Every structure is written in C-alpha cells, then in structure tokens.
Amino acid sequence: MLWLGYFMGLVIFYALINWMPILFKDAGLAAKDATLITALFPLGGVGAILFGWLMDRFNGNWVIAAVTR
C-alpha cells in the first residue's frame, strides 16, 4: 500500500505538470506565462520544507497564521 500511494502521488504530479500549461492557456494566460508558472510549480516543495522546519521549531498554529496572512 505504501508503494501504491507513492506511485499514485507521482502519477498526479506527472499529470499536473503535463496539463497545467494547457489549462492556464485555456484560462486566458499567455503561453509564455503558463509555461513559466508550470516550470516554477515544483519549487513549492522548498517552501514546504522550510515551513515544516519552522512548525517544528515554533508553534505550528502561529506559523500557519503568519504564512496565510
């Protein structure tokens, strides 16, 4: 089940990376902007690691409140 969950996560990530430019372009963004947003999408993991570390170090509720302001 662990392998299945990991594999399905990769499938979802692969589908997002491949469909995001098309969906953004259909929503009215320029093709250049849609491609840039899709290219920067995987960088969200860096922020997740940083905020996870902050939540371990400080009160998690305060970190979430500060980030979502």
PDB file of N, CA and C in Angstrom:
ATOM      1  N   MET A   1       0.822  -1.183   0.000  1.00  0.00           N
ATOM      2  CA  MET A   1       0.000   0.000   0.000  1.00  0.00           C
ATOM      3  C   MET A   1       0.875   1.259   0.000  1.00  0.00           C
ATOM      4  N   LEU A   2       2.007   1.190   0.660  1.00  0.00           N
ATOM      5  CA  LEU A   2       2.901   2.345   0.671  1.00  0.00           C
ATOM      6  C   LEU A   2       3.419   2.635  -0.735  1.00  0.00           C
ATOM      7  N   TRP A   3       3.817   1.591  -1.448  1.00  0.00           N
ATOM      8  CA  TRP A   3       4.292   1.766  -2.817  1.00  0.00           C
ATOM      9  C   TRP A   3       3.181   2.281  -3.722  1.00  0.00           C
ATOM     10  N   LEU A   4       1.984   1.792  -3.521  1.00  0.00           N
ATOM     11  CA  LEU A   4       0.849   2.251  -4.332  1.00  0.00           C
ATOM     12  C   LEU A   4       0.580   3.744  -4.079  1.00  0.00           C
ATOM     13  N   GLY A   5       0.614   4.158  -2.828  1.00  0.00           N
ATOM     14  CA  GLY A   5       0.411   5.565  -2.503  1.00  0.00           C
ATOM     15  C   GLY A   5       1.492   6.446  -3.106  1.00  0.00           C
ATOM     16  N   TYR A   6       2.737   6.009  -3.038  1.00  0.00           N
ATOM     17  CA  TYR A   6       3.848   6.759  -3.622  1.00  0.00           C
ATOM     18  C   TYR A   6       3.702   6.853  -5.138  1.00  0.00           C
ATOM     19  N   PHE A   7       3.365   5.740  -5.755  1.00  0.00           N
ATOM     20  CA  PHE A   7       3.196   5.723  -7.210  1.00  0.00           C
ATOM     21  C   PHE A   7       2.062   6.641  -7.646  1.00  0.00           C
ATOM     22  N   MET A   8       0.945   6.610  -6.940  1.00  0.00           N
ATOM     23  CA  MET A   8      -0.185   7.461  -7.304  1.00  0.00           C
ATOM     24  C   MET A   8       0.160   8.939  -7.115  1.00  0.00           C
ATOM     25  N   GLY A   9       0.974   9.265  -6.117  1.00  0.00           N
ATOM     26  CA  GLY A   9       1.439  10.633  -5.958  1.00  0.00           C
ATOM     27  C   GLY A   9       2.262  11.087  -7.145  1.00  0.00           C
ATOM     28  N   LEU A  10       3.114  10.206  -7.645  1.00  0.00           N
ATOM     29  CA  LEU A  10       3.904  10.521  -8.837  1.00  0.00           C
ATOM     30  C   LEU A  10       3.025  10.672 -10.073  1.00  0.00           C
ATOM     31  N   VAL A  11       1.987   9.858 -10.186  1.00  0.00           N
ATOM     32  CA  VAL A  11       1.071   9.963 -11.321  1.00  0.00           C
ATOM     33  C   VAL A  11       0.357  11.316 -11.293  1.00  0.00           C
ATOM     34  N   ILE A  12      -0.093  11.731 -10.120  1.00  0.00           N
ATOM     35  CA  ILE A  12      -0.775  13.018 -10.001  1.00  0.00           C
ATOM     36  C   ILE A  12       0.182  14.154 -10.345  1.00  0.00           C
ATOM     37  N   PHE A  13       1.408  14.093  -9.844  1.00  0.00           N
ATOM     38  CA  PHE A  13       2.394  15.127 -10.150  1.00  0.00           C
ATOM     39  C   PHE A  13       2.683  15.182 -11.648  1.00  0.00           C
ATOM     40  N   TYR A  14       2.844  14.046 -12.264  1.00  0.00           N
ATOM     41  CA  TYR A  14       3.104  13.976 -13.706  1.00  0.00           C
ATOM     42  C   TYR A  14       1.934  14.572 -14.491  1.00  0.00           C
ATOM     43  N   ALA A  15       0.710  14.234 -14.087  1.00  0.00           N
ATOM     44  CA  ALA A  15      -0.465  14.763 -14.779  1.00  0.00           C
ATOM     45  C   ALA A  15      -0.555  16.281 -14.615  1.00  0.00           C
ATOM     46  N   LEU A  16      -0.268  16.784 -13.424  1.00  0.00           N
ATOM     47  CA  LEU A  16      -0.312  18.228 -13.208  1.00  0.00           C
ATOM     48  C   LEU A  16       0.709  18.955 -14.075  1.00  0.00           C
ATOM     49  N   ILE A  17       1.932  18.435 -14.090  1.00  0.00           N
ATOM     50  CA  ILE A  17       2.983  19.086 -14.871  1.00  0.00           C
ATOM     51  C   ILE A  17       2.621  19.105 -16.359  1.00  0.00           C
ATOM     52  N   ASN A  18       2.000  18.062 -16.854  1.00  0.00           N
ATOM     53  CA  ASN A  18       1.682  17.999 -18.279  1.00  0.00           C
ATOM     54  C   ASN A  18       0.439  18.790 -18.665  1.00  0.00           C
ATOM     55  N   TRP A  19      -0.533  18.911 -17.762  1.00  0.00           N
ATOM     56  CA  TRP A  19      -1.781  19.578 -18.105  1.00  0.00           C
ATOM     57  C   TRP A  19      -1.832  21.045 -17.701  1.00  0.00           C
ATOM     58  N   MET A  20      -0.988  21.478 -16.779  1.00  0.00           N
ATOM     59  CA  MET A  20      -1.058  22.859 -16.306  1.00  0.00           C
ATOM     60  C   MET A  20      -0.887  23.897 -17.420  1.00  0.00           C
ATOM     61  N   PRO A  21       0.069  23.762 -18.325  1.00  0.00           N
ATOM     62  CA  PRO A  21       0.174  24.796 -19.378  1.00  0.00           C
ATOM     63  C   PRO A  21      -1.081  24.897 -20.239  1.00  0.00           C
ATOM     64  N   ILE A  22      -1.682  23.778 -20.537  1.00  0.00           N
ATOM     65  CA  ILE A  22      -2.896  23.776 -21.359  1.00  0.00           C
ATOM     66  C   ILE A  22      -4.048  24.425 -20.614  1.00  0.00           C
ATOM     67  N   LEU A  23      -4.204  24.088 -19.340  1.00  0.00           N
ATOM     68  CA  LEU A  23      -5.299  24.661 -18.549  1.00  0.00           C
ATOM     69  C   LEU A  23      -5.110  26.158 -18.346  1.00  0.00           C
ATOM     70  N   PHE A  24      -3.884  26.593 -18.083  1.00  0.00           N
ATOM     71  CA  PHE A  24      -3.632  28.018 -17.902  1.00  0.00           C
ATOM     72  C   PHE A  24      -3.860  28.791 -19.204  1.00  0.00           C
ATOM     73  N   LYS A  25      -3.444  28.202 -20.319  1.00  0.00           N
ATOM     74  CA  LYS A  25      -3.636  28.858 -21.611  1.00  0.00           C
ATOM     75  C   LYS A  25      -5.126  28.972 -21.933  1.00  0.00           C
ATOM     76  N   ASP A  26      -5.899  27.926 -21.623  1.00  0.00           N
ATOM     77  CA  ASP A  26      -7.343  27.978 -21.836  1.00  0.00           C
ATOM     78  C   ASP A  26      -8.025  28.980 -20.907  1.00  0.00           C
ATOM     79  N   ALA A  27      -7.408  29.252 -19.743  1.00  0.00           N
ATOM     80  CA  ALA A  27      -7.973  30.217 -18.802  1.00  0.00           C
ATOM     81  C   ALA A  27      -7.671  31.655 -19.211  1.00  0.00           C
ATOM     82  N   GLY A  28      -6.859  31.846 -20.250  1.00  0.00           N
ATOM     83  CA  GLY A  28      -6.617  33.179 -20.757  1.00  0.00           C
ATOM     84  C   GLY A  28      -5.215  33.707 -20.553  1.00  0.00           C
ATOM     85  N   LEU A  29      -4.347  32.948 -19.924  1.00  0.00           N
ATOM     86  CA  LEU A  29      -2.965  33.389 -19.758  1.00  0.00           C
ATOM     87  C   LEU A  29      -2.202  33.195 -21.064  1.00  0.00           C
ATOM     88  N   ALA A  30      -1.175  33.989 -21.229  1.00  0.00           N
ATOM     89  CA  ALA A  30      -0.313  33.828 -22.400  1.00  0.00           C
ATOM     90  C   ALA A  30       0.467  32.516 -22.270  1.00  0.00           C
ATOM     91  N   ALA A  31       0.839  31.948 -23.397  1.00  0.00           N
ATOM     92  CA  ALA A  31       1.563  30.673 -23.379  1.00  0.00           C
ATOM     93  C   ALA A  31       2.883  30.801 -22.623  1.00  0.00           C
ATOM     94  N   LYS A  32       3.545  31.950 -22.737  1.00  0.00           N
ATOM     95  CA  LYS A  32       4.807  32.183 -22.037  1.00  0.00           C
ATOM     96  C   LYS A  32       4.600  32.159 -20.522  1.00  0.00           C
ATOM     97  N   ASP A  33       3.540  32.825 -20.044  1.00  0.00           N
ATOM     98  CA  ASP A  33       3.258  32.860 -18.609  1.00  0.00           C
ATOM     99  C   ASP A  33       2.845  31.486 -18.092  1.00  0.00           C
ATOM    100  N   ALA A  34       2.047  30.767 -18.870  1.00  0.00           N
ATOM    101  CA  ALA A  34       1.611  29.431 -18.462  1.00  0.00           C
ATOM    102  C   ALA A  34       2.802  28.483 -18.329  1.00  0.00           C
ATOM    103  N   THR A  35       3.752  28.597 -19.247  1.00  0.00           N
ATOM    104  CA  THR A  35       4.943  27.755 -19.188  1.00  0.00           C
ATOM    105  C   THR A  35       5.815  28.112 -17.993  1.00  0.00           C
ATOM    106  N   LEU A  36       5.943  29.406 -17.705  1.00  0.00           N
ATOM    107  CA  LEU A  36       6.735  29.842 -16.556  1.00  0.00           C
ATOM    108  C   LEU A  36       6.130  29.360 -15.244  1.00  0.00           C
ATOM    109  N   ILE A  37       4.825  29.487 -15.096  1.00  0.00           N
ATOM    110  CA  ILE A  37       4.165  29.029 -13.875  1.00  0.00           C
ATOM    111  C   ILE A  37       4.341  27.523 -13.700  1.00  0.00           C
ATOM    112  N   THR A  38       4.208  26.778 -14.775  1.00  0.00           N
ATOM    113  CA  THR A  38       4.376  25.327 -14.704  1.00  0.00           C
ATOM    114  C   THR A  38       5.813  24.956 -14.348  1.00  0.00           C
ATOM    115  N   ALA A  39       6.772  25.701 -14.863  1.00  0.00           N
ATOM    116  CA  ALA A  39       8.175  25.409 -14.563  1.00  0.00           C
ATOM    117  C   ALA A  39       8.500  25.698 -13.100  1.00  0.00           C
ATOM    118  N   LEU A  40       7.856  26.685 -12.514  1.00  0.00           N
ATOM    119  CA  LEU A  40       8.119  27.049 -11.122  1.00  0.00           C
ATOM    120  C   LEU A  40       7.313  26.217 -10.119  1.00  0.00           C
ATOM    121  N   PHE A  41       6.359  25.445 -10.592  1.00  0.00           N
ATOM    122  CA  PHE A  41       5.492  24.652  -9.715  1.00  0.00           C
ATOM    123  C   PHE A  41       6.263  23.719  -8.781  1.00  0.00           C
ATOM    124  N   PRO A  42       7.283  22.984  -9.229  1.00  0.00           N
ATOM    125  CA  PRO A  42       7.986  22.082  -8.317  1.00  0.00           C
ATOM    126  C   PRO A  42       8.755  22.795  -7.204  1.00  0.00           C
ATOM    127  N   LEU A  43       9.005  24.080  -7.326  1.00  0.00           N
ATOM    128  CA  LEU A  43       9.725  24.809  -6.284  1.00  0.00           C
ATOM    129  C   LEU A  43       8.894  24.979  -5.005  1.00  0.00           C
ATOM    130  N   GLY A  44       7.624  24.674  -5.051  1.00  0.00           N
ATOM    131  CA  GLY A  44       6.783  24.747  -3.858  1.00  0.00           C
ATOM    132  C   GLY A  44       7.241  23.798  -2.770  1.00  0.00           C
ATOM    133  N   GLY A  45       7.925  22.732  -3.144  1.00  0.00           N
ATOM    134  CA  GLY A  45       8.442  21.781  -2.159  1.00  0.00           C
ATOM    135  C   GLY A  45       9.486  22.388  -1.250  1.00  0.00           C
ATOM    136  N   VAL A  46      10.243  23.350  -1.760  1.00  0.00           N
ATOM    137  CA  VAL A  46      11.253  24.025  -0.944  1.00  0.00           C
ATOM    138  C   VAL A  46      10.570  24.811   0.165  1.00  0.00           C
ATOM    139  N   GLY A  47       9.498  25.504  -0.174  1.00  0.00           N
ATOM    140  CA  GLY A  47       8.741  26.247   0.836  1.00  0.00           C
ATOM    141  C   GLY A  47       8.107  25.318   1.852  1.00  0.00           C
ATOM    142  N   ALA A  48       7.637  24.158   1.412  1.00  0.00           N
ATOM    143  CA  ALA A  48       7.030  23.203   2.338  1.00  0.00           C
ATOM    144  C   ALA A  48       8.049  22.692   3.348  1.00  0.00           C
ATOM    145  N   ILE A  49       9.263  22.454   2.900  1.00  0.00           N
ATOM    146  CA  ILE A  49      10.321  22.005   3.815  1.00  0.00           C
ATOM    147  C   ILE A  49      10.654  23.106   4.812  1.00  0.00           C
ATOM    148  N   LEU A  50      10.766  24.331   4.327  1.00  0.00           N
ATOM    149  CA  LEU A  50      11.076  25.459   5.204  1.00  0.00           C
ATOM    150  C   LEU A  50       9.986  25.663   6.246  1.00  0.00           C
ATOM    151  N   PHE A  51       8.736  25.676   5.827  1.00  0.00           N
ATOM    152  CA  PHE A  51       7.652  25.903   6.774  1.00  0.00           C
ATOM    153  C   PHE A  51       7.456  24.719   7.704  1.00  0.00           C
ATOM    154  N   GLY A  52       7.755  23.523   7.252  1.00  0.00           N
ATOM    155  CA  GLY A  52       7.720  22.365   8.148  1.00  0.00           C
ATOM    156  C   GLY A  52       8.755  22.484   9.248  1.00  0.00           C
ATOM    157  N   TRP A  53       9.949  22.942   8.882  1.00  0.00           N
ATOM    158  CA  TRP A  53      11.002  23.159   9.880  1.00  0.00           C
ATOM    159  C   TRP A  53      10.580  24.236  10.875  1.00  0.00           C
ATOM    160  N   LEU A  54       9.989  25.327  10.359  1.00  0.00           N
ATOM    161  CA  LEU A  54       9.519  26.391  11.251  1.00  0.00           C
ATOM    162  C   LEU A  54       8.420  25.892  12.190  1.00  0.00           C
ATOM    163  N   MET A  55       7.540  25.036  11.690  1.00  0.00           N
ATOM    164  CA  MET A  55       6.462  24.499  12.524  1.00  0.00           C
ATOM    165  C   MET A  55       7.000  23.565  13.596  1.00  0.00           C
ATOM    166  N   ASP A  56       8.081  22.850  13.312  1.00  0.00           N
ATOM    167  CA  ASP A  56       8.715  22.006  14.331  1.00  0.00           C
ATOM    168  C   ASP A  56       9.403  22.851  15.396  1.00  0.00           C
ATOM    169  N   ARG A  57       9.978  23.953  14.977  1.00  0.00           N
ATOM    170  CA  ARG A  57      10.752  24.788  15.888  1.00  0.00           C
ATOM    171  C   ARG A  57       9.869  25.700  16.742  1.00  0.00           C
ATOM    172  N   PHE A  58       8.803  26.228  16.148  1.00  0.00           N
ATOM    173  CA  PHE A  58       7.907  27.157  16.828  1.00  0.00           C
ATOM    174  C   PHE A  58       6.508  26.553  16.882  1.00  0.00           C
ATOM    175  N   ASN A  59       5.562  27.308  17.372  1.00  0.00           N
ATOM    176  CA  ASN A  59       4.167  26.861  17.429  1.00  0.00           C
ATOM    177  C   ASN A  59       3.612  26.787  16.007  1.00  0.00           C
ATOM    178  N   GLY A  60       3.165  25.602  15.606  1.00  0.00           N
ATOM    179  CA  GLY A  60       2.683  25.388  14.248  1.00  0.00           C
ATOM    180  C   GLY A  60       1.498  26.259  13.881  1.00  0.00           C
ATOM    181  N   ASN A  61       0.612  26.491  14.819  1.00  0.00           N
ATOM    182  CA  ASN A  61      -0.559  27.331  14.541  1.00  0.00           C
ATOM    183  C   ASN A  61      -0.149  28.764  14.228  1.00  0.00           C
ATOM    184  N   TRP A  62       0.862  29.273  14.937  1.00  0.00           N
ATOM    185  CA  TRP A  62       1.320  30.637  14.690  1.00  0.00           C
ATOM    186  C   TRP A  62       2.016  30.740  13.332  1.00  0.00           C
ATOM    187  N   VAL A  63       2.753  29.716  12.968  1.00  0.00           N
ATOM    188  CA  VAL A  63       3.435  29.734  11.665  1.00  0.00           C
ATOM    189  C   VAL A  63       2.415  29.750  10.536  1.00  0.00           C
ATOM    190  N   ILE A  64       1.396  28.917  10.631  1.00  0.00           N
ATOM    191  CA  ILE A  64       0.355  28.877   9.596  1.00  0.00           C
ATOM    192  C   ILE A  64      -0.380  30.201   9.537  1.00  0.00           C
ATOM    193  N   ALA A  65      -0.672  30.771  10.709  1.00  0.00           N
ATOM    194  CA  ALA A  65      -1.371  32.063  10.730  1.00  0.00           C
ATOM    195  C   ALA A  65      -0.524  33.152  10.081  1.00  0.00           C
ATOM    196  N   ALA A  66       0.784  33.131  10.319  1.00  0.00           N
ATOM    197  CA  ALA A  66       1.661  34.144   9.745  1.00  0.00           C
ATOM    198  C   ALA A  66       1.811  33.968   8.236  1.00  0.00           C
ATOM    199  N   VAL A  67       1.822  32.744   7.765  1.00  0.00           N
ATOM    200  CA  VAL A  67       2.022  32.474   6.337  1.00  0.00           C
ATOM    201  C   VAL A  67       0.765  32.810   5.534  1.00  0.00           C
ATOM    202  N   THR A  68      -0.399  32.586   6.086  1.00  0.00           N
ATOM    203  CA  THR A  68      -1.647  32.778   5.336  1.00  0.00           C
ATOM    204  C   THR A  68      -2.181  34.192   5.415  1.00  0.00           C
ATOM    205  N   ARG A  69      -1.453  35.101   6.054  1.00  0.00           N
ATOM    206  CA  ARG A  69      -1.939  36.491   6.155  1.00  0.00           C
ATOM    207  C   ARG A  69      -1.973  37.142   4.839  1.00  0.00           C
TER     208      ARG A  69
END
